[in-house]
Amino acid sequence: MAAGRARAPAGTHAAAAGWPRPGRAYPPEPGTPLLRVEHAVKQFGGLKAVNDVSFELRTGKSWD
């Protein structure tokens, strides 16, 4: 297990095991940023497949 990452005990549902940990908002407020990527670049040899891409994923939002 990665350092700093806690998990619910094996075989239990996270909510039934008292997760998430106390002090964390659950569920997060609508519109709360879950993931932010800024200036991403992906290169394969001399080919730049992605160049300077930024985006933010927020709760309650989806793409169709």
PDB file of N, CA and C in Angstrom:
ATOM      1  N   MET A   1       0.852  -1.178   0.000  1.00  0.00           N
ATOM      2  CA  MET A   1       0.000   0.000   0.000  1.00  0.00           C
ATOM      3  C   MET A   1       0.894   1.236   0.000  1.00  0.00           C
ATOM      4  N   ALA A   2       0.495   2.240  -0.763  1.00  0.00           N
ATOM      5  CA  ALA A   2       1.294   3.470  -0.857  1.00  0.00           C
ATOM      6  C   ALA A   2       1.253   4.231   0.458  1.00  0.00           C
ATOM      7  N   ALA A   3       2.353   4.873   0.782  1.00  0.00           N
ATOM      8  CA  ALA A   3       2.421   5.659   2.018  1.00  0.00           C
ATOM      9  C   ALA A   3       1.414   6.791   1.970  1.00  0.00           C
ATOM     10  N   GLY A   4       0.730   7.029   3.076  1.00  0.00           N
ATOM     11  CA  GLY A   4      -0.209   8.135   3.165  1.00  0.00           C
ATOM     12  C   GLY A   4      -1.603   7.821   2.654  1.00  0.00           C
ATOM     13  N   ARG A   5      -1.831   6.600   2.170  1.00  0.00           N
ATOM     14  CA  ARG A   5      -3.153   6.234   1.663  1.00  0.00           C
ATOM     15  C   ARG A   5      -3.756   5.180   2.576  1.00  0.00           C
ATOM     16  N   ALA A   6      -4.869   5.503   3.181  1.00  0.00           N
ATOM     17  CA  ALA A   6      -5.544   4.556   4.062  1.00  0.00           C
ATOM     18  C   ALA A   6      -6.700   3.915   3.310  1.00  0.00           C
ATOM     19  N   ARG A   7      -7.019   2.700   3.661  1.00  0.00           N
ATOM     20  CA  ARG A   7      -8.108   1.977   3.012  1.00  0.00           C
ATOM     21  C   ARG A   7      -9.029   1.368   4.058  1.00  0.00           C
ATOM     22  N   ALA A   8     -10.281   1.142   3.649  1.00  0.00           N
ATOM     23  CA  ALA A   8     -11.220   0.433   4.510  1.00  0.00           C
ATOM     24  C   ALA A   8     -10.761  -1.017   4.620  1.00  0.00           C
ATOM     25  N   PRO A   9     -11.063  -1.672   5.738  1.00  0.00           N
ATOM     26  CA  PRO A   9     -10.657  -3.070   5.895  1.00  0.00           C
ATOM     27  C   PRO A   9     -11.192  -3.937   4.756  1.00  0.00           C
ATOM     28  N   ALA A  10     -10.422  -4.937   4.349  1.00  0.00           N
ATOM     29  CA  ALA A  10     -10.810  -5.824   3.250  1.00  0.00           C
ATOM     30  C   ALA A  10     -12.163  -6.465   3.536  1.00  0.00           C
ATOM     31  N   GLY A  11     -12.992  -6.556   2.515  1.00  0.00           N
ATOM     32  CA  GLY A  11     -14.295  -7.208   2.643  1.00  0.00           C
ATOM     33  C   GLY A  11     -15.376  -6.333   3.245  1.00  0.00           C
ATOM     34  N   THR A  12     -15.095  -5.063   3.507  1.00  0.00           N
ATOM     35  CA  THR A  12     -16.115  -4.179   4.062  1.00  0.00           C
ATOM     36  C   THR A  12     -16.380  -3.035   3.101  1.00  0.00           C
ATOM     37  N   HIS A  13     -17.592  -2.554   3.123  1.00  0.00           N
ATOM     38  CA  HIS A  13     -17.935  -1.374   2.332  1.00  0.00           C
ATOM     39  C   HIS A  13     -17.396  -0.167   3.080  1.00  0.00           C
ATOM     40  N   ALA A  14     -16.829   0.785   2.364  1.00  0.00           N
ATOM     41  CA  ALA A  14     -16.186   1.934   2.994  1.00  0.00           C
ATOM     42  C   ALA A  14     -17.114   2.649   3.973  1.00  0.00           C
ATOM     43  N   ALA A  15     -18.375   2.879   3.584  1.00  0.00           N
ATOM     44  CA  ALA A  15     -19.305   3.600   4.465  1.00  0.00           C
ATOM     45  C   ALA A  15     -19.610   2.782   5.719  1.00  0.00           C
ATOM     46  N   ALA A  16     -19.754   1.463   5.567  1.00  0.00           N
ATOM     47  CA  ALA A  16     -20.042   0.600   6.716  1.00  0.00           C
ATOM     48  C   ALA A  16     -18.870   0.545   7.679  1.00  0.00           C
ATOM     49  N   ALA A  17     -17.678   0.758   7.187  1.00  0.00           N
ATOM     50  CA  ALA A  17     -16.485   0.705   8.028  1.00  0.00           C
ATOM     51  C   ALA A  17     -16.170   2.051   8.670  1.00  0.00           C
ATOM     52  N   GLY A  18     -17.086   3.021   8.517  1.00  0.00           N
ATOM     53  CA  GLY A  18     -16.868   4.329   9.123  1.00  0.00           C
ATOM     54  C   GLY A  18     -16.002   5.242   8.281  1.00  0.00           C
ATOM     55  N   TRP A  19     -15.916   4.959   7.003  1.00  0.00           N
ATOM     56  CA  TRP A  19     -15.119   5.787   6.102  1.00  0.00           C
ATOM     57  C   TRP A  19     -16.038   6.716   5.364  1.00  0.00           C
ATOM     58  N   PRO A  20     -15.652   7.833   4.872  1.00  0.00           N
ATOM     59  CA  PRO A  20     -14.293   8.326   4.918  1.00  0.00           C
ATOM     60  C   PRO A  20     -13.893   8.738   6.319  1.00  0.00           C
ATOM     61  N   ARG A  21     -12.629   9.046   6.491  1.00  0.00           N
ATOM     62  CA  ARG A  21     -12.114   9.419   7.804  1.00  0.00           C
ATOM     63  C   ARG A  21     -12.823  10.658   8.329  1.00  0.00           C
ATOM     64  N   PRO A  22     -12.933  10.797   9.637  1.00  0.00           N
ATOM     65  CA  PRO A  22     -13.551  11.979  10.230  1.00  0.00           C
ATOM     66  C   PRO A  22     -12.861  13.255   9.757  1.00  0.00           C
ATOM     67  N   GLY A  23     -13.652  14.308   9.597  1.00  0.00           N
ATOM     68  CA  GLY A  23     -13.107  15.587   9.172  1.00  0.00           C
ATOM     69  C   GLY A  23     -13.155  15.796   7.672  1.00  0.00           C
ATOM     70  N   ARG A  24     -13.563  14.781   6.939  1.00  0.00           N
ATOM     71  CA  ARG A  24     -13.682  14.922   5.489  1.00  0.00           C
ATOM     72  C   ARG A  24     -15.151  15.072   5.131  1.00  0.00           C
ATOM     73  N   ALA A  25     -15.420  16.009   4.225  1.00  0.00           N
ATOM     74  CA  ALA A  25     -16.797  16.210   3.766  1.00  0.00           C
ATOM     75  C   ALA A  25     -17.197  15.041   2.872  1.00  0.00           C
ATOM     76  N   TYR A  26     -18.352  14.449   3.127  1.00  0.00           N
ATOM     77  CA  TYR A  26     -18.832  13.360   2.305  1.00  0.00           C
ATOM     78  C   TYR A  26     -20.324  13.432   2.184  1.00  0.00           C
ATOM     79  N   PRO A  27     -20.905  13.464   1.046  1.00  0.00           N
ATOM     80  CA  PRO A  27     -20.205  13.637  -0.224  1.00  0.00           C
ATOM     81  C   PRO A  27     -19.710  15.068  -0.369  1.00  0.00           C
ATOM     82  N   PRO A  28     -18.752  15.302  -1.243  1.00  0.00           N
ATOM     83  CA  PRO A  28     -18.239  16.658  -1.425  1.00  0.00           C
ATOM     84  C   PRO A  28     -19.327  17.587  -1.957  1.00  0.00           C
ATOM     85  N   GLU A  29     -19.194  18.857  -1.664  1.00  0.00           N
ATOM     86  CA  GLU A  29     -20.143  19.852  -2.156  1.00  0.00           C
ATOM     87  C   GLU A  29     -20.162  19.831  -3.685  1.00  0.00           C
ATOM     88  N   PRO A  30     -21.336  20.045  -4.301  1.00  0.00           N
ATOM     89  CA  PRO A  30     -21.389  20.110  -5.767  1.00  0.00           C
ATOM     90  C   PRO A  30     -20.436  21.178  -6.299  1.00  0.00           C
ATOM     91  N   GLY A  31     -19.738  20.836  -7.348  1.00  0.00           N
ATOM     92  CA  GLY A  31     -18.805  21.773  -7.955  1.00  0.00           C
ATOM     93  C   GLY A  31     -17.415  21.757  -7.351  1.00  0.00           C
ATOM     94  N   THR A  32     -17.182  20.912  -6.333  1.00  0.00           N
ATOM     95  CA  THR A  32     -15.857  20.809  -5.722  1.00  0.00           C
ATOM     96  C   THR A  32     -14.874  20.188  -6.702  1.00  0.00           C
ATOM     97  N   PRO A  33     -13.705  20.790  -6.906  1.00  0.00           N
ATOM     98  CA  PRO A  33     -12.726  20.190  -7.812  1.00  0.00           C
ATOM     99  C   PRO A  33     -12.236  18.834  -7.285  1.00  0.00           C
ATOM    100  N   LEU A  34     -12.293  17.822  -8.143  1.00  0.00           N
ATOM    101  CA  LEU A  34     -11.791  16.498  -7.790  1.00  0.00           C
ATOM    102  C   LEU A  34     -10.432  16.245  -8.422  1.00  0.00           C
ATOM    103  N   LEU A  35     -10.225  16.827  -9.599  1.00  0.00           N
ATOM    104  CA  LEU A  35      -8.985  16.605 -10.339  1.00  0.00           C
ATOM    105  C   LEU A  35      -8.671  17.855 -11.144  1.00  0.00           C
ATOM    106  N   ARG A  36      -7.430  18.299 -11.069  1.00  0.00           N
ATOM    107  CA  ARG A  36      -6.990  19.450 -11.864  1.00  0.00           C
ATOM    108  C   ARG A  36      -5.682  19.073 -12.553  1.00  0.00           C
ATOM    109  N   VAL A  37      -5.663  19.244 -13.868  1.00  0.00           N
ATOM    110  CA  VAL A  37      -4.470  18.989 -14.670  1.00  0.00           C
ATOM    111  C   VAL A  37      -4.118  20.299 -15.353  1.00  0.00           C
ATOM    112  N   GLU A  38      -2.856  20.698 -15.236  1.00  0.00           N
ATOM    113  CA  GLU A  38      -2.426  21.955 -15.833  1.00  0.00           C
ATOM    114  C   GLU A  38      -1.179  21.739 -16.676  1.00  0.00           C
ATOM    115  N   HIS A  39      -1.243  22.192 -17.914  1.00  0.00           N
ATOM    116  CA  HIS A  39      -0.107  22.202 -18.831  1.00  0.00           C
ATOM    117  C   HIS A  39       0.485  20.801 -19.067  1.00  0.00           C
ATOM    118  N   ALA A  40      -0.387  19.814 -19.231  1.00  0.00           N
ATOM    119  CA  ALA A  40       0.070  18.444 -19.463  1.00  0.00           C
ATOM    120  C   ALA A  40       0.698  18.303 -20.854  1.00  0.00           C
ATOM    121  N   VAL A  41       1.759  17.523 -20.918  1.00  0.00           N
ATOM    122  CA  VAL A  41       2.439  17.228 -22.171  1.00  0.00           C
ATOM    123  C   VAL A  41       2.740  15.735 -22.190  1.00  0.00           C
ATOM    124  N   LYS A  42       2.442  15.081 -23.319  1.00  0.00           N
ATOM    125  CA  LYS A  42       2.797  13.669 -23.504  1.00  0.00           C
ATOM    126  C   LYS A  42       3.482  13.545 -24.843  1.00  0.00           C
ATOM    127  N   GLN A  43       4.663  12.941 -24.809  1.00  0.00           N
ATOM    128  CA  GLN A  43       5.494  12.863 -25.989  1.00  0.00           C
ATOM    129  C   GLN A  43       5.941  11.433 -26.216  1.00  0.00           C
ATOM    130  N   PHE A  44       5.942  11.006 -27.470  1.00  0.00           N
ATOM    131  CA  PHE A  44       6.438   9.690 -27.878  1.00  0.00           C
ATOM    132  C   PHE A  44       7.562   9.936 -28.863  1.00  0.00           C
ATOM    133  N   GLY A  45       8.788   9.871 -28.388  1.00  0.00           N
ATOM    134  CA  GLY A  45       9.921  10.204 -29.254  1.00  0.00           C
ATOM    135  C   GLY A  45       9.807  11.661 -29.673  1.00  0.00           C
ATOM    136  N   GLY A  46       9.791  11.907 -30.976  1.00  0.00           N
ATOM    137  CA  GLY A  46       9.669  13.272 -31.475  1.00  0.00           C
ATOM    138  C   GLY A  46       8.233  13.717 -31.691  1.00  0.00           C
ATOM    139  N   LEU A  47       7.249  12.822 -31.430  1.00  0.00           N
ATOM    140  CA  LEU A  47       5.838  13.145 -31.646  1.00  0.00           C
ATOM    141  C   LEU A  47       5.207  13.634 -30.355  1.00  0.00           C
ATOM    142  N   LYS A  48       4.686  14.869 -30.366  1.00  0.00           N
ATOM    143  CA  LYS A  48       3.948  15.389 -29.213  1.00  0.00           C
ATOM    144  C   LYS A  48       2.482  15.051 -29.400  1.00  0.00           C
ATOM    145  N   ALA A  49       1.998  14.103 -28.624  1.00  0.00           N
ATOM    146  CA  ALA A  49       0.608  13.681 -28.727  1.00  0.00           C
ATOM    147  C   ALA A  49      -0.310  14.654 -27.995  1.00  0.00           C
ATOM    148  N   VAL A  50       0.168  15.221 -26.904  1.00  0.00           N
ATOM    149  CA  VAL A  50      -0.584  16.198 -26.109  1.00  0.00           C
ATOM    150  C   VAL A  50       0.376  17.322 -25.773  1.00  0.00           C
ATOM    151  N   ASN A  51      -0.068  18.551 -25.974  1.00  0.00           N
ATOM    152  CA  ASN A  51       0.806  19.694 -25.714  1.00  0.00           C
ATOM    153  C   ASN A  51       0.049  20.793 -24.983  1.00  0.00           C
ATOM    154  N   ASP A  52       0.405  21.045 -23.737  1.00  0.00           N
ATOM    155  CA  ASP A  52      -0.143  22.145 -22.938  1.00  0.00           C
ATOM    156  C   ASP A  52      -1.652  22.040 -22.751  1.00  0.00           C
ATOM    157  N   VAL A  53      -2.126  20.870 -22.339  1.00  0.00           N
ATOM    158  CA  VAL A  53      -3.551  20.645 -22.090  1.00  0.00           C
ATOM    159  C   VAL A  53      -3.838  20.845 -20.607  1.00  0.00           C
ATOM    160  N   SER A  54      -4.893  21.603 -20.319  1.00  0.00           N
ATOM    161  CA  SER A  54      -5.316  21.829 -18.939  1.00  0.00           C
ATOM    162  C   SER A  54      -6.811  21.548 -18.836  1.00  0.00           C
ATOM    163  N   PHE A  55      -7.224  20.953 -17.712  1.00  0.00           N
ATOM    164  CA  PHE A  55      -8.646  20.761 -17.460  1.00  0.00           C
ATOM    165  C   PHE A  55      -8.880  20.537 -15.978  1.00  0.00           C
ATOM    166  N   GLU A  56     -10.141  20.663 -15.574  1.00  0.00           N
ATOM    167  CA  GLU A  56     -10.540  20.450 -14.184  1.00  0.00           C
ATOM    168  C   GLU A  56     -11.818  19.629 -14.176  1.00  0.00           C
ATOM    169  N   LEU A  57     -11.866  18.615 -13.335  1.00  0.00           N
ATOM    170  CA  LEU A  57     -13.041  17.776 -13.170  1.00  0.00           C
ATOM    171  C   LEU A  57     -13.659  18.103 -11.823  1.00  0.00           C
ATOM    172  N   ARG A  58     -14.927  18.463 -11.827  1.00  0.00           N
ATOM    173  CA  ARG A  58     -15.634  18.836 -10.605  1.00  0.00           C
ATOM    174  C   ARG A  58     -16.766  17.860 -10.320  1.00  0.00           C
ATOM    175  N   THR A  59     -17.177  17.759  -9.060  1.00  0.00           N
ATOM    176  CA  THR A  59     -18.288  16.883  -8.697  1.00  0.00           C
ATOM    177  C   THR A  59     -19.561  17.377  -9.359  1.00  0.00           C
ATOM    178  N   GLY A  60     -20.435  16.427  -9.719  1.00  0.00           N
ATOM    179  CA  GLY A  60     -21.709  16.778 -10.304  1.00  0.00           C
ATOM    180  C   GLY A  60     -21.649  17.138 -11.768  1.00  0.00           C
ATOM    181  N   LYS A  61     -20.488  17.056 -12.384  1.00  0.00           N
ATOM    182  CA  LYS A  61     -20.354  17.383 -13.803  1.00  0.00           C
ATOM    183  C   LYS A  61     -19.984  16.121 -14.570  1.00  0.00           C
ATOM    184  N   SER A  62     -20.466  16.016 -15.788  1.00  0.00           N
ATOM    185  CA  SER A  62     -20.100  14.890 -16.647  1.00  0.00           C
ATOM    186  C   SER A  62     -20.179  15.335 -18.096  1.00  0.00           C
ATOM    187  N   TRP A  63     -19.545  14.547 -18.933  1.00  0.00           N
ATOM    188  CA  TRP A  63     -19.612  14.802 -20.372  1.00  0.00           C
ATOM    189  C   TRP A  63     -20.455  13.720 -21.006  1.00  0.00           C
ATOM    190  N   ASP A  64     -21.286  14.126 -21.934  1.00  0.00           N
ATOM    191  CA  ASP A  64     -22.130  13.156 -22.653  1.00  0.00           C
ATOM    192  C   ASP A  64     -21.559  12.868 -24.006  1.00  0.00           C
TER     193      ASP A  64
END
